[in-house]
Amino acid sequence: MTVVVNGERRELHDETTVADVVRTLVDAERGVAVALDGEVVRRGEWDARSVPDGSRVEVLTAMQGG
């Protein structure tokens, strides 16, 4: 299946979850927020929330700096 992750098209397995997508992008899950088709997905739902074909996923990480 094809989804758009942070603006980039990606081919993923049919049973991919939000947690799977996050793990492909970042090493730690602290300071990470995820939106699936414009809706924020709570961290407690990541493992159970499937990513449908054609979805848009945005994974944002907190950055420190000044």
Protein backbone atom coordinates (compact mmCIF):
# COMPACT_ATOMS: atom_id res chain seq x y z
CA MET A 1 0.00 0.00 0.00
CA THR A 2 1.10 3.58 -0.56
CA VAL A 3 0.91 6.33 2.06
CA VAL A 4 2.45 9.78 2.37
CA VAL A 5 4.70 10.17 5.42
CA ASN A 6 5.92 13.69 6.16
CA GLY A 7 5.27 14.65 2.55
CA GLU A 8 7.10 11.64 1.04
CA ARG A 9 5.38 8.68 -0.65
CA ARG A 10 6.21 5.34 0.95
CA GLU A 11 5.28 1.74 0.29
CA LEU A 12 4.17 0.00 3.50
CA HIS A 13 2.80 -3.41 4.48
CA ASP A 14 -0.99 -3.77 4.62
CA GLU A 15 -1.04 -4.26 8.40
CA THR A 16 1.10 -1.22 9.25
CA THR A 17 0.22 0.66 12.44
CA VAL A 18 1.02 4.21 13.50
CA ALA A 19 3.63 2.76 15.89
CA ASP A 20 5.33 0.98 12.97
CA VAL A 21 5.58 4.25 11.03
CA VAL A 22 7.04 6.09 14.03
CA ARG A 23 9.68 3.38 14.54
CA THR A 24 10.85 3.75 10.93
CA LEU A 25 11.50 7.47 11.45
CA VAL A 26 12.81 7.98 14.99
CA ASP A 27 14.78 5.95 17.52
CA ALA A 28 12.95 7.17 20.64
CA GLU A 29 9.26 7.87 20.99
CA ARG A 30 9.69 10.69 23.53
CA GLY A 31 8.78 14.11 22.25
CA VAL A 32 6.92 12.71 19.23
CA ALA A 33 3.45 13.67 17.97
CA VAL A 34 1.58 11.95 15.15
CA ALA A 35 -1.33 13.01 12.95
CA LEU A 36 -3.13 10.59 10.66
CA ASP A 37 -5.09 12.32 7.92
CA GLY A 38 -5.05 15.54 9.95
CA GLU A 39 -6.21 13.94 13.21
CA VAL A 40 -3.84 13.71 16.18
CA VAL A 41 -3.35 10.11 17.32
CA ARG A 42 -2.72 9.66 21.04
CA ARG A 43 0.38 7.67 21.94
CA GLY A 44 -1.72 5.01 23.68
CA GLU A 45 -3.48 4.30 20.38
CA TRP A 46 -0.38 3.95 18.17
CA ASP A 47 -0.13 0.15 18.40
CA ALA A 48 -3.80 -0.41 17.66
CA ARG A 49 -4.34 2.26 15.00
CA SER A 50 -3.96 0.96 11.44
CA VAL A 51 -2.69 3.18 8.64
CA PRO A 52 -5.07 2.81 5.67
CA ASP A 53 -3.89 2.85 2.07
CA GLY A 54 -3.68 6.40 0.71
CA SER A 55 -3.33 8.02 4.15
CA ARG A 56 -1.24 11.03 5.06
CA VAL A 57 0.88 10.63 8.20
CA GLU A 58 2.77 13.47 9.85
CA VAL A 59 5.35 12.58 12.49
CA LEU A 60 6.68 15.56 14.42
CA THR A 61 9.52 15.56 16.93
CA ALA A 62 10.25 18.14 19.59
CA MET A 63 13.53 19.98 19.14
CA GLN A 64 15.48 21.96 21.68
CA GLY A 65 17.45 25.00 20.80
CA GLY A 66 17.66 28.71 20.96
